[in-house]
Amino acid sequence: MNHENKVKRLLLSAVLVCGASALAGCNDADVASQNLSKAADNFQINRRVVFYNGITGDYMLSIEGLCSLGNADKVREVSITCKTGPKSYKKHFLGLSDNVTYFVEQVDGADVSSYHYKVIFKPSVILPDISIK
């Protein structure tokens, strides 16, 4: 077996072990929820994000499309990234307050498994496109 095949097998084994340990104790709803979140983060889920003022009762802003919520936002902030074309994206930053909140609605149903955990491997993230200026 050559070195490249050994590396591929080792990587596959590591992914399988991580996936199996992540699923330990998970129920069907947890697996489906994780798969929906992964699909949304890969711009495969149509969502509507609405910002609401709890004092006035007014909707302040609505963002709709193939959108992903930020996963590492600061406290009282939310970022939303939407895919607007094959290679086009828009990112929105919003501040939250005591009276402003938001909710996210999944507009359409999505076909995800509740039996199999979804793993997405993107070699382009491991070997990024480098620009030299």
Protein backbone atom coordinates (compact mmCIF):
# COMPACT_ATOMS: atom_id res chain seq x y z
CA MET A 1 0.00 0.00 0.00
CA ASN A 2 1.48 3.37 -0.98
CA HIS A 3 1.77 6.38 1.32
CA GLU A 4 -1.20 8.22 -0.23
CA ASN A 5 -3.57 5.28 0.37
CA LYS A 6 -2.37 4.98 3.97
CA VAL A 7 -3.09 8.66 4.56
CA LYS A 8 -6.57 8.34 3.00
CA ARG A 9 -7.40 5.31 5.15
CA LEU A 10 -6.13 7.02 8.29
CA LEU A 11 -8.19 10.13 7.51
CA LEU A 12 -11.30 8.05 6.81
CA SER A 13 -10.82 6.11 10.05
CA ALA A 14 -10.46 9.34 12.01
CA VAL A 15 -13.64 10.75 10.46
CA LEU A 16 -15.57 7.56 11.24
CA VAL A 17 -14.37 7.47 14.85
CA CYS A 18 -15.24 11.15 15.35
CA GLY A 19 -18.64 10.66 13.74
CA ALA A 20 -19.42 7.60 15.84
CA SER A 21 -18.41 9.33 19.07
CA ALA A 22 -20.46 12.38 18.14
CA LEU A 23 -23.52 10.18 17.68
CA ALA A 24 -23.18 8.32 20.97
CA GLY A 25 -26.43 8.88 22.83
CA CYS A 26 -28.09 10.84 20.01
CA ASN A 27 -31.72 10.26 19.11
CA ASP A 28 -33.30 10.59 15.65
CA ALA A 29 -34.36 14.19 16.25
CA ASP A 30 -30.80 15.19 17.25
CA VAL A 31 -29.33 13.62 14.11
CA ALA A 32 -31.94 15.23 11.83
CA SER A 33 -31.42 18.61 13.55
CA GLN A 34 -27.65 18.44 13.09
CA ASN A 35 -28.09 17.45 9.44
CA LEU A 36 -30.49 20.38 8.86
CA SER A 37 -27.99 22.77 10.45
CA LYS A 38 -25.18 21.44 8.26
CA ALA A 39 -27.37 21.77 5.15
CA ALA A 40 -28.25 25.36 6.07
CA ASP A 41 -24.58 26.19 6.67
CA ASN A 42 -23.89 24.88 3.15
CA PHE A 43 -26.63 27.11 1.67
CA GLN A 44 -29.02 24.25 0.90
CA ILE A 45 -31.91 25.41 3.14
CA ASN A 46 -34.23 28.32 2.34
CA ARG A 47 -34.70 30.44 5.48
CA ARG A 48 -36.48 33.59 6.59
CA VAL A 49 -34.83 35.59 9.41
CA VAL A 50 -37.05 38.23 11.02
CA PHE A 51 -35.95 40.88 13.53
CA TYR A 52 -38.68 41.95 15.92
CA ASN A 53 -39.04 44.87 18.35
CA GLY A 54 -40.71 43.49 21.48
CA ILE A 55 -41.78 46.95 22.75
CA THR A 56 -43.39 48.34 19.62
CA GLY A 57 -44.44 44.98 18.19
CA ASP A 58 -42.96 45.92 14.81
CA TYR A 59 -40.98 43.72 12.45
CA MET A 60 -37.80 45.68 11.80
CA LEU A 61 -36.08 43.62 9.13
CA SER A 62 -36.61 40.42 7.20
CA ILE A 63 -33.88 38.49 5.34
CA GLU A 64 -34.91 35.56 3.16
CA GLY A 65 -32.95 33.08 1.06
CA LEU A 66 -30.22 30.48 1.32
CA CYS A 67 -28.87 31.86 4.59
CA SER A 68 -26.60 30.67 7.37
CA LEU A 69 -26.42 32.18 10.84
CA GLY A 70 -23.02 33.04 12.29
CA ASN A 71 -21.60 30.46 14.65
CA ALA A 72 -18.94 32.57 16.35
CA ASP A 73 -20.73 35.90 16.79
CA LYS A 74 -20.03 38.23 19.69
CA VAL A 75 -22.57 38.54 22.50
CA ARG A 76 -25.60 40.61 21.43
CA GLU A 77 -24.63 40.39 17.76
CA VAL A 78 -25.71 38.11 14.96
CA SER A 79 -24.28 37.73 11.47
CA ILE A 80 -26.16 36.21 8.57
CA THR A 81 -24.48 35.10 5.36
CA CYS A 82 -26.68 34.47 2.32
CA LYS A 83 -25.82 32.92 -1.03
CA THR A 84 -27.22 35.17 -3.76
CA GLY A 85 -25.73 33.49 -6.84
CA PRO A 86 -23.40 30.69 -7.93
CA LYS A 87 -20.36 32.57 -6.57
CA SER A 88 -22.05 35.54 -4.87
CA TYR A 89 -22.67 36.05 -1.15
CA LYS A 90 -23.91 38.82 1.14
CA LYS A 91 -23.13 39.11 4.84
CA HIS A 92 -25.28 41.10 7.26
CA PHE A 93 -24.33 42.12 10.82
CA LEU A 94 -27.03 43.05 13.30
CA GLY A 95 -26.92 44.16 16.92
CA LEU A 96 -29.42 42.82 19.44
CA SER A 97 -30.81 44.68 22.46
CA ASP A 98 -33.15 43.99 25.36
CA ASN A 99 -36.17 44.72 23.17
CA VAL A 100 -34.92 43.48 19.78
CA THR A 101 -34.83 39.78 19.05
CA TYR A 102 -34.99 37.57 15.99
CA PHE A 103 -36.37 34.28 14.86
CA VAL A 104 -35.41 32.01 11.99
CA GLU A 105 -37.99 30.12 9.99
CA GLN A 106 -37.11 27.27 7.67
CA VAL A 107 -39.28 28.15 4.66
CA ASP A 108 -39.27 24.78 2.87
CA GLY A 109 -39.03 21.20 4.06
CA ALA A 110 -35.70 19.47 3.56
CA ASP A 111 -34.83 15.84 2.93
CA VAL A 112 -32.30 14.89 5.61
CA SER A 113 -31.70 11.57 7.28
CA SER A 114 -32.50 10.87 10.90
CA TYR A 115 -30.52 7.61 10.66
CA HIS A 116 -27.20 8.71 9.19
CA TYR A 117 -25.07 11.56 10.44
CA LYS A 118 -23.96 13.90 7.66
CA VAL A 119 -20.22 14.56 7.27
CA ILE A 120 -19.08 17.12 4.73
CA PHE A 121 -15.46 16.96 3.63
CA LYS A 122 -14.16 19.96 1.68
CA PRO A 123 -10.55 19.62 0.52
CA SER A 124 -10.55 23.29 -0.54
CA VAL A 125 -10.77 24.28 3.13
CA ILE A 126 -7.72 22.19 3.99
CA LEU A 127 -5.81 23.49 0.96
CA PRO A 128 -7.15 27.05 0.58
CA ASP A 129 -6.89 29.21 -2.52
CA ILE A 130 -3.99 31.58 -1.84
CA SER A 131 -3.76 35.02 -3.44
CA ILE A 132 -0.40 36.72 -3.68
CA LYS A 133 -0.39 40.51 -3.83
